[in-house]
């Protein structure tokens, strides 16, 4: 067969794969409905392990490498879990299903917050109405006034750390965290037509982006850096400028929305660069106990030696896993701090409920900011020796 015939057959095969994946998603919805009726947990790790072992064996019989099969089905299982969690959450919150979801986020089309917003609400019913904002304060104001149903906010990055301004806004706002997602950050240098990096004289980008790409940027010599309020503004600057010696730092996906092209990819200090986003709303949501959940609360301890340790011991004694501890100054109280804590567990479950009650008794102030489905999906580990030997 000639090359064109081979490519045609590959295209036909890809289309068949898409149809099969769509069929699998429909079956996943039916599974979620059964779990709702019978109050079963979303995840069955033993079944996932057995499934992967069997798939690896069958894949080997078809000439497929075990790692290839594992990677592919890890992605498929993760998608299945997240879809089921979204369906169970919708069922538990029938009064919060909107025909239109008004969502506020930082920047506009092409920004990482824009891309994260679209990813999160792709699993939720209702039309997405975008509300691009110029500041975190504006985002919170939209939710508090009720002009936005939700907001998507970056809270931390694996390279540049926590986003303190968001934590400070949480301290003074009456909102609830209702969701989270982790979004891969893949920075690239984007231009209109220029192909040669050495011709670039000016780079536009958000301060966090410059920080996350500092090692690569330091190799560029005298290239100037222009700070922008968001990645969206950086992309727009390059798109609308008549200069061809300028570039923006952003994602290739976001750049494509402005007809910008990547001339250098993977420029972050850390190749595994991810940002964690939280989703906030005016009212909290109910998280079914079948879903892995996180609870976030903020507390201030009494001013005595060992006060924070005493609070953390409460977590240990109740076998609660803490996934995040962040301290921020209390406005108007010099040298005093609030502690933001994320823990694994559902506020409706006994251990977390008991922990919150005990901490309330030994701290000066404690406020639960939200309980929400966890989207940190741990891939089921399958020993390759076991898979091959069977």
Protein backbone atom coordinates (compact mmCIF):
# COMPACT_ATOMS: atom_id res chain seq x y z
CA UNK A 1 0.00 0.00 0.00
CA UNK A 2 1.19 3.51 -0.74
CA UNK A 3 1.58 6.19 1.94
CA UNK A 4 -1.73 7.90 1.20
CA UNK A 5 -3.65 4.63 1.52
CA UNK A 6 -1.93 3.90 4.83
CA UNK A 7 -2.79 7.35 6.15
CA UNK A 8 -6.41 6.92 5.11
CA UNK A 9 -6.61 3.66 7.03
CA UNK A 10 -5.03 5.29 10.09
CA UNK A 11 -7.63 8.07 9.94
CA UNK A 12 -10.44 5.51 9.71
CA UNK A 13 -9.00 3.61 12.66
CA UNK A 14 -8.76 6.81 14.72
CA UNK A 15 -12.42 7.55 14.00
CA UNK A 16 -13.36 4.05 15.18
CA UNK A 17 -11.37 4.63 18.38
CA UNK A 18 -13.24 7.89 19.01
CA UNK A 19 -16.59 6.16 18.62
CA UNK A 20 -15.52 3.42 21.04
CA UNK A 21 -14.31 5.98 23.59
CA UNK A 22 -17.64 7.81 23.32
CA UNK A 23 -19.45 4.50 23.89
CA UNK A 24 -17.29 3.85 26.94
CA UNK A 25 -18.19 7.26 28.36
CA UNK A 26 -21.90 6.49 27.96
CA UNK A 27 -21.39 3.22 29.85
CA UNK A 28 -19.55 5.19 32.55
CA UNK A 29 -22.63 7.39 33.01
CA UNK A 30 -24.77 4.28 33.48
CA UNK A 31 -22.28 2.99 36.07
CA UNK A 32 -22.48 6.31 37.94
CA UNK A 33 -26.29 6.11 38.01
CA UNK A 34 -26.08 2.60 39.46
CA UNK A 35 -23.64 3.81 42.13
CA UNK A 36 -26.05 6.61 43.03
CA UNK A 37 -28.89 4.11 43.48
CA UNK A 38 -26.84 1.67 45.55
CA UNK A 39 -24.62 4.18 47.41
CA UNK A 40 -21.39 2.66 46.13
CA UNK A 41 -18.01 4.40 46.13
CA UNK A 42 -16.83 5.90 42.85
CA UNK A 43 -13.49 4.11 42.98
CA UNK A 44 -12.91 0.37 43.27
CA UNK A 45 -9.13 0.11 43.34
CA UNK A 46 -9.11 -3.70 43.39
CA UNK A 47 -11.20 -3.83 40.24
CA UNK A 48 -9.02 -1.19 38.58
CA UNK A 49 -5.91 -3.25 39.36
CA UNK A 50 -7.45 -6.45 38.02
CA UNK A 51 -8.64 -4.60 34.92
CA UNK A 52 -5.20 -3.13 34.21
CA UNK A 53 -3.44 -6.46 34.71
CA UNK A 54 -5.80 -8.14 32.26
CA UNK A 55 -5.48 -5.31 29.75
CA UNK A 56 -1.68 -5.41 29.90
CA UNK A 57 -1.74 -9.16 29.26
CA UNK A 58 -4.10 -8.79 26.31
CA UNK A 59 -2.10 -5.86 25.01
CA UNK A 60 1.07 -7.93 25.03
CA UNK A 61 -0.71 -10.60 23.01
CA UNK A 62 -1.47 -7.88 20.45
CA UNK A 63 2.14 -6.70 20.42
CA UNK A 64 1.57 -3.60 22.57
CA UNK A 65 4.14 -2.56 25.18
CA UNK A 66 2.90 -2.83 28.81
CA UNK A 67 3.82 0.79 29.61
CA UNK A 68 1.88 2.02 26.60
CA UNK A 69 -1.24 0.13 27.69
CA UNK A 70 -0.88 1.33 31.30
CA UNK A 71 -0.45 4.99 30.31
CA UNK A 72 -3.42 4.89 27.96
CA UNK A 73 -5.80 3.28 30.43
CA UNK A 74 -4.62 5.41 33.34
CA UNK A 75 -5.91 8.38 31.30
CA UNK A 76 -9.17 6.60 30.44
CA UNK A 77 -9.79 5.54 34.06
CA UNK A 78 -9.02 9.05 35.33
CA UNK A 79 -11.55 10.51 32.90
CA UNK A 80 -14.11 7.92 34.02
CA UNK A 81 -13.57 8.73 37.70
CA UNK A 82 -13.87 12.49 37.17
CA UNK A 83 -17.03 12.11 35.07
CA UNK A 84 -18.62 9.88 37.71
CA UNK A 85 -17.68 12.31 40.49
CA UNK A 86 -19.25 15.18 38.55
CA UNK A 87 -22.47 13.21 38.01
CA UNK A 88 -22.75 12.19 41.67
CA UNK A 89 -22.14 15.79 42.77
CA UNK A 90 -24.83 17.05 40.39
CA UNK A 91 -27.26 14.49 41.81
CA UNK A 92 -26.49 15.64 45.37
CA UNK A 93 -27.00 19.32 44.47
CA UNK A 94 -30.13 19.49 42.29
CA UNK A 95 -30.81 23.10 43.27
CA UNK A 96 -27.44 24.24 41.91
CA UNK A 97 -27.83 23.06 38.32
CA UNK A 98 -27.89 26.07 36.01
CA UNK A 99 -28.77 26.32 32.33
CA UNK A 100 -26.05 28.98 32.20
CA UNK A 101 -22.92 28.98 34.38
CA UNK A 102 -21.58 32.52 34.81
CA UNK A 103 -17.91 32.03 35.67
CA UNK A 104 -15.39 34.73 36.61
CA UNK A 105 -11.66 34.24 36.10
CA UNK A 106 -8.48 36.28 35.74
CA UNK A 107 -7.73 37.64 32.29
CA UNK A 108 -9.60 36.65 29.17
CA UNK A 109 -9.45 34.29 26.22
CA UNK A 110 -6.17 32.38 26.10
CA UNK A 111 -5.11 32.91 29.72
CA UNK A 112 -4.34 29.82 31.80
CA UNK A 113 -7.33 30.61 34.01
CA UNK A 114 -9.49 30.68 30.87
CA UNK A 115 -8.22 27.26 29.80
CA UNK A 116 -8.67 25.83 33.33
CA UNK A 117 -12.22 27.21 33.45
CA UNK A 118 -13.14 25.49 30.20
CA UNK A 119 -11.59 22.23 31.37
CA UNK A 120 -13.48 22.20 34.68
CA UNK A 121 -16.91 23.17 33.31
CA UNK A 122 -16.66 20.79 30.35
CA UNK A 123 -17.87 18.10 32.78
CA UNK A 124 -20.73 20.21 34.15
CA UNK A 125 -24.15 20.80 32.56
CA UNK A 126 -25.10 24.26 31.37
CA UNK A 127 -23.71 26.80 28.93
CA UNK A 128 -20.52 28.53 30.06
CA UNK A 129 -20.71 32.32 30.21
CA UNK A 130 -17.21 33.77 30.58
CA UNK A 131 -16.54 36.77 32.82
CA UNK A 132 -12.96 37.91 32.32
CA UNK A 133 -11.62 40.04 35.19
CA UNK A 134 -8.65 42.33 35.68
CA UNK A 135 -7.90 41.45 39.33
CA UNK A 136 -8.58 38.86 42.02
CA UNK A 137 -10.55 41.47 43.97
CA UNK A 138 -12.88 41.94 40.98
CA UNK A 139 -13.39 38.17 40.75
CA UNK A 140 -14.41 37.89 44.42
CA UNK A 141 -16.70 40.90 44.04
CA UNK A 142 -18.57 39.21 41.16
CA UNK A 143 -19.24 36.10 43.26
CA UNK A 144 -20.21 38.04 46.38
CA UNK A 145 -22.62 40.29 44.43
CA UNK A 146 -24.15 37.33 42.63
CA UNK A 147 -23.18 38.52 39.16
CA UNK A 148 -21.13 35.34 38.80
CA UNK A 149 -22.26 31.87 39.86
CA UNK A 150 -18.70 30.58 40.17
CA UNK A 151 -15.10 31.73 39.90
CA UNK A 152 -11.93 29.84 39.06
CA UNK A 153 -8.82 31.01 40.92
CA UNK A 154 -5.19 29.85 40.83
CA UNK A 155 -4.07 29.06 44.37
CA UNK A 156 -0.59 27.57 43.96
CA UNK A 157 2.00 26.48 41.42
CA UNK A 158 4.54 23.68 41.70
CA UNK A 159 7.30 26.03 40.57
CA UNK A 160 6.50 29.50 41.97
CA UNK A 161 4.56 28.42 45.08
CA UNK A 162 1.42 29.86 46.63
CA UNK A 163 -0.46 32.85 45.23
CA UNK A 164 -0.70 34.95 48.37
CA UNK A 165 -3.19 37.48 47.05
CA UNK A 166 -5.82 34.75 46.64
CA UNK A 167 -5.26 33.53 50.22
CA UNK A 168 -5.63 37.10 51.47
CA UNK A 169 -8.89 37.55 49.56
CA UNK A 170 -10.22 34.29 51.05
CA UNK A 171 -9.52 35.67 54.53
CA UNK A 172 -11.90 38.58 54.01
CA UNK A 173 -14.60 37.03 51.82
CA UNK A 174 -17.80 35.19 52.55
CA UNK A 175 -17.57 32.50 49.88
CA UNK A 176 -17.28 28.70 49.70
CA UNK A 177 -14.80 26.51 47.88
CA UNK A 178 -16.83 24.02 45.82
CA UNK A 179 -14.21 22.45 43.55
CA UNK A 180 -10.60 22.15 42.50
CA UNK A 181 -8.53 21.09 39.55
CA UNK A 182 -4.88 20.75 38.68
CA UNK A 183 -3.92 22.15 35.30
CA UNK A 184 -0.63 21.47 33.46
CA UNK A 185 1.31 24.65 32.73
CA UNK A 186 3.33 24.38 29.53
CA UNK A 187 5.01 27.68 28.79
CA UNK A 188 6.13 28.55 25.27
CA UNK A 189 7.44 31.64 23.50
CA UNK A 190 4.77 32.76 21.04
CA UNK A 191 5.07 35.08 18.05
CA UNK A 192 3.03 36.16 15.04
CA UNK A 193 5.48 35.21 12.31
CA UNK A 194 9.01 35.31 13.68
CA UNK A 195 10.72 31.91 13.68
CA UNK A 196 14.15 32.87 15.02
CA UNK A 197 14.39 33.36 18.80
CA UNK A 198 17.53 35.47 18.42
CA UNK A 199 15.49 38.22 16.71
CA UNK A 200 13.21 38.73 19.72
CA UNK A 201 13.81 42.03 21.55
CA UNK A 202 10.83 42.14 23.96
CA UNK A 203 8.91 39.50 25.93
CA UNK A 204 5.45 40.05 27.42
CA UNK A 205 4.24 37.93 30.32
CA UNK A 206 2.66 37.70 33.76
CA UNK A 207 5.09 38.08 36.71
CA UNK A 208 4.41 34.51 37.87
CA UNK A 209 5.24 33.26 34.38
CA UNK A 210 8.55 35.12 34.34
CA UNK A 211 9.35 33.59 37.71
CA UNK A 212 8.49 30.09 36.54
CA UNK A 213 10.70 30.46 33.44
CA UNK A 214 13.57 32.39 35.03
CA UNK A 215 16.32 29.90 34.17
CA UNK A 216 15.55 29.91 30.46
CA UNK A 217 14.98 33.67 30.34
CA UNK A 218 18.39 34.27 31.89
CA UNK A 219 19.96 32.68 28.80
CA UNK A 220 18.39 35.21 26.44
CA UNK A 221 20.81 38.04 27.15
CA UNK A 222 19.41 41.54 26.64
CA UNK A 223 15.81 40.63 25.80
CA UNK A 224 13.55 43.07 27.68
CA UNK A 225 10.64 41.86 29.80
CA UNK A 226 7.31 43.66 29.92
CA UNK A 227 5.04 42.70 32.82
CA UNK A 228 1.34 42.15 32.03
CA UNK A 229 -1.64 41.71 34.35
CA UNK A 230 -2.40 38.32 32.83
CA UNK A 231 -1.27 35.96 30.09
CA UNK A 232 -4.28 37.14 28.09
CA UNK A 233 -2.89 40.69 28.02
CA UNK A 234 0.51 39.37 26.91
CA UNK A 235 -1.05 37.46 24.01
CA UNK A 236 -3.19 40.41 23.02
CA UNK A 237 -0.21 42.80 23.04
CA UNK A 238 1.68 40.65 20.55
CA UNK A 239 -1.39 39.99 18.41
CA UNK A 240 -2.25 43.70 18.06
CA UNK A 241 1.28 45.05 17.69
CA UNK A 242 2.83 45.82 14.32
CA UNK A 243 6.25 44.81 15.61
CA UNK A 244 7.66 41.40 14.72
CA UNK A 245 10.52 41.38 17.24
CA UNK A 246 8.23 40.82 20.24
CA UNK A 247 6.80 37.67 21.79
CA UNK A 248 4.52 36.51 24.61
CA UNK A 249 4.95 33.69 27.07
CA UNK A 250 1.89 31.47 27.35
CA UNK A 251 0.51 28.13 26.29
CA UNK A 252 0.50 26.98 22.68
CA UNK A 253 -3.23 26.30 23.11
CA UNK A 254 -3.89 29.84 24.28
CA UNK A 255 -1.64 31.34 21.63
CA UNK A 256 -3.52 29.53 18.88
CA UNK A 257 -6.63 31.54 19.81
CA UNK A 258 -4.69 34.66 18.70
CA UNK A 259 -2.96 33.10 15.68
CA UNK A 260 0.35 33.03 17.56
CA UNK A 261 2.85 30.24 17.03
CA UNK A 262 5.31 28.63 19.49
CA UNK A 263 8.96 29.04 18.50
CA UNK A 264 10.32 27.60 21.77
CA UNK A 265 8.40 25.19 24.01
CA UNK A 266 8.88 23.68 27.47
CA UNK A 267 10.74 26.70 28.89
CA UNK A 268 9.63 26.39 32.54
CA UNK A 269 12.22 25.76 35.26
CA UNK A 270 10.43 22.53 36.14
CA UNK A 271 9.22 20.23 33.38
CA UNK A 272 6.45 18.98 35.68
CA UNK A 273 4.85 22.39 36.11
CA UNK A 274 1.26 22.42 37.34
CA UNK A 275 -1.07 25.01 38.84
CA UNK A 276 -3.81 24.13 41.29
CA UNK A 277 -7.04 26.06 40.87
CA UNK A 278 -9.99 26.33 43.25
CA UNK A 279 -13.59 26.91 42.25
CA UNK A 280 -15.60 29.21 44.50
CA UNK A 281 -19.31 30.01 44.82
CA UNK A 282 -21.59 31.97 47.13
CA UNK A 283 -22.98 28.83 48.77
CA UNK A 284 -21.27 25.53 49.69
CA UNK A 285 -22.05 22.28 47.89
CA UNK A 286 -22.94 18.84 49.24
CA UNK A 287 -20.29 16.21 48.49
CA UNK A 288 -21.58 12.61 48.46
CA UNK A 289 -19.65 10.31 50.78
CA UNK A 290 -18.90 7.99 47.83
CA UNK A 291 -16.58 10.65 46.40
CA UNK A 292 -13.02 11.34 47.64
CA UNK A 293 -13.22 14.81 49.15
CA UNK A 294 -11.08 17.59 50.56
CA UNK A 295 -11.99 20.09 53.25
CA UNK A 296 -10.34 23.51 53.54
CA UNK A 297 -10.50 25.62 56.69
CA UNK A 298 -8.75 28.66 58.09
CA UNK A 299 -7.84 29.09 61.76
CA UNK A 300 -5.89 31.33 64.10
CA UNK A 301 -4.26 29.85 67.18
CA UNK A 302 -3.89 31.35 70.63
CA UNK A 303 -0.65 33.20 71.29
CA UNK A 304 1.28 30.65 73.33
CA UNK A 305 4.24 28.33 72.67
CA UNK A 306 3.28 25.14 70.87
CA UNK A 307 -0.23 26.31 69.92
CA UNK A 308 0.14 25.29 66.27
CA UNK A 309 1.68 21.95 67.23
CA UNK A 310 -1.25 21.30 69.55
CA UNK A 311 -3.65 21.93 66.67
CA UNK A 312 -1.73 19.64 64.30
CA UNK A 313 -1.75 16.87 66.90
CA UNK A 314 -5.54 16.92 66.67
CA UNK A 315 -5.21 16.01 62.98
CA UNK A 316 -2.79 13.21 63.79
CA UNK A 317 -4.95 11.78 66.58
CA UNK A 318 -7.95 11.65 64.24
CA UNK A 319 -5.89 10.08 61.43
CA UNK A 320 -6.53 13.05 59.14
CA UNK A 321 -4.09 13.59 56.28
CA UNK A 322 -3.13 17.26 55.81
CA UNK A 323 -2.26 18.11 52.20
CA UNK A 324 -1.60 21.85 52.58
CA UNK A 325 -0.58 24.28 55.34
CA UNK A 326 -0.22 27.95 54.45
CA UNK A 327 0.25 30.88 56.84
CA UNK A 328 -0.74 34.48 56.09
CA UNK A 329 -0.58 37.64 58.23
CA UNK A 330 -3.77 38.81 59.93
CA UNK A 331 -4.58 42.29 58.67
CA UNK A 332 -4.44 44.80 61.51
CA UNK A 333 -2.79 42.36 63.94
CA UNK A 334 1.00 42.64 63.56
CA UNK A 335 2.95 39.37 64.01
CA UNK A 336 -0.22 37.27 64.13
CA UNK A 337 -1.07 34.76 61.42
CA UNK A 338 -3.97 32.80 59.97
CA UNK A 339 -3.35 29.21 58.91
CA UNK A 340 -5.02 27.79 55.81
CA UNK A 341 -5.26 24.01 55.94
CA UNK A 342 -6.39 21.45 53.36
CA UNK A 343 -7.19 17.95 54.59
CA UNK A 344 -8.40 14.79 52.91
CA UNK A 345 -11.92 13.91 53.97
CA UNK A 346 -15.55 14.95 53.91
CA UNK A 347 -16.98 17.43 56.42
CA UNK A 348 -20.00 15.10 56.76
CA UNK A 349 -17.77 12.18 57.74
CA UNK A 350 -17.11 11.42 61.41
CA UNK A 351 -13.31 11.92 61.60
CA UNK A 352 -13.28 15.29 59.83
CA UNK A 353 -16.34 16.52 61.70
CA UNK A 354 -14.75 15.50 65.01
CA UNK A 355 -11.47 17.19 64.04
CA UNK A 356 -13.20 20.50 63.23
CA UNK A 357 -15.08 20.38 66.53
CA UNK A 358 -11.92 19.74 68.56
CA UNK A 359 -9.95 22.44 66.73
CA UNK A 360 -12.76 24.94 67.30
CA UNK A 361 -12.37 24.36 71.03
CA UNK A 362 -8.60 25.04 71.14
CA UNK A 363 -8.18 27.82 68.53
CA UNK A 364 -9.12 31.50 68.62
CA UNK A 365 -11.07 31.34 65.36
CA UNK A 366 -11.88 28.62 62.85
CA UNK A 367 -13.89 28.84 59.66
CA UNK A 368 -14.56 26.08 57.14
CA UNK A 369 -14.05 27.50 53.65
CA UNK A 370 -15.44 24.50 51.83
CA UNK A 371 -15.75 20.77 51.30
CA UNK A 372 -15.43 19.71 47.67
CA UNK A 373 -14.64 16.70 45.42
CA UNK A 374 -10.94 15.96 45.15
CA UNK A 375 -9.66 15.90 41.59
CA UNK A 376 -6.24 14.54 42.54
CA UNK A 377 -6.65 11.14 40.93
CA UNK A 378 -3.97 8.66 42.02
CA UNK A 379 -3.23 6.20 39.26
CA UNK A 380 -3.68 2.56 40.20
CA UNK A 381 -0.26 0.95 40.53
CA UNK A 382 0.19 -2.36 38.76
CA UNK A 383 3.44 -4.31 39.33
CA UNK A 384 4.72 -5.10 35.85
CA UNK A 385 6.21 -8.41 37.00
CA UNK A 386 2.79 -9.48 38.21
CA UNK A 387 1.14 -8.40 35.02
CA UNK A 388 3.61 -10.16 32.77
CA UNK A 389 3.82 -13.36 34.80
CA UNK A 390 0.10 -13.86 34.68
